[in-house]
Amino acid sequence: MKFTPGVLVALAALAFGAAQAAEPVTIRIGLQKYGTLVILAEQHSLDKRLAAEGVTVEWKEFPAGPQLLEALSVGSIDFGTTGEAPPVFAQAAQSPLVYVGVEPSAPAGEAILVPKDSPIQSVADLKGKRIVLNKGSNVHYLLVQALATAKLGPKDIESIYLAPADARAAFERGSVDAWAIWDPFLAAAQAATGGRVLTDAKGLAPNRQFYLAHRDFAAAHPALVSEVLDEIGQTDRWAEQHQREVALLLAPRTGISVPVLDLAVSRLGYGVTRLDETVIQDQQKIADAFFTLGLIPKPVTVRDAVWTPNS
């Protein structure tokens, strides 16, 4: 079920507003360079909505999901968004996170990129090559799955772990053979370098964006979490129908040109929902794969971290 304005949300908002009259609350939201939360932050609709209830919103930007979840784990933020792989690594490290919402699958929004003149023509050609990626990010699972289609594993390549900005520099100077990356960095690199998509995530990985909260914060403020998700849902509905306006809105903040953002925005998933059984099972497959490959130290049960308002 998608989040839509309704009586329950309205009542939750009223109850939350009344409860907060005596005690001011701040919600610290972690976001990355791109995505629905960035649109929400730029439009200021959530800030205005919650200010009327005495709630302050603080926005904190992170270079990628793993860094964002590190901040959530130590209590520096209360809410944030990442792709599907970072919460698996974080849960394995006993992070107090809960999954509170998810955007639809967007498999065209991440890919393994090779230079335009690269001799690499297939995933099998990656054997023995240097591949740069952000460790623990969404594309980590894409890379694992792609290698498996060619009967290769992580030990058959040399993984270079760098954040997106440093990874692009390495890619451009030719010190790596391929780059596993997500939008908008993917779209920007395609435009600037002519990089060629070796494979995207279609048929390999869902590439979902999750909304996560600190378990204690979600337990203490369930109505507030529901309000944030409701506002995200409204932003999703607007953004899906106004993609050029989204590109224009994000260009100054990201430093990426509007035509490049047009491509990236067209590959986003729109429509936040609660996690259903399909999403939980897909996420569990990722967790199981990472444990089998030795990428996480112990098995995790994704369902244990799925939040419900009464949990």
Foldseek 3Di string as FASTA:
>chain_A
DFQADDDVLVVLLVVQLVVCPVPAEEAEEEEELDDLVVVCVLVCPLQVSCVVSRYHYHYDYDLADLVVLVCQQVPVGFKYKAWLQNVLQCVLVVRQKFFFKKFFFQQQFKFKWFFPPAPDQALLVQFAFEEEEAPRHPLVQVNQQRQVVNVHGPVRHHYHHDGLVVRLVCRVVVVGGIYTGGPPSVLQCCVPRVIDGNDTCVVGARGMMTMMGRNVVCQVRVSSVSVVSSVSQVSLVVCVVPVLVVLVSSCVSNVGHSVSSSVNSVSDGGTMDADDPVNQVRSLVSQVVCVVSVVRPDGDRNVVRYDDSND
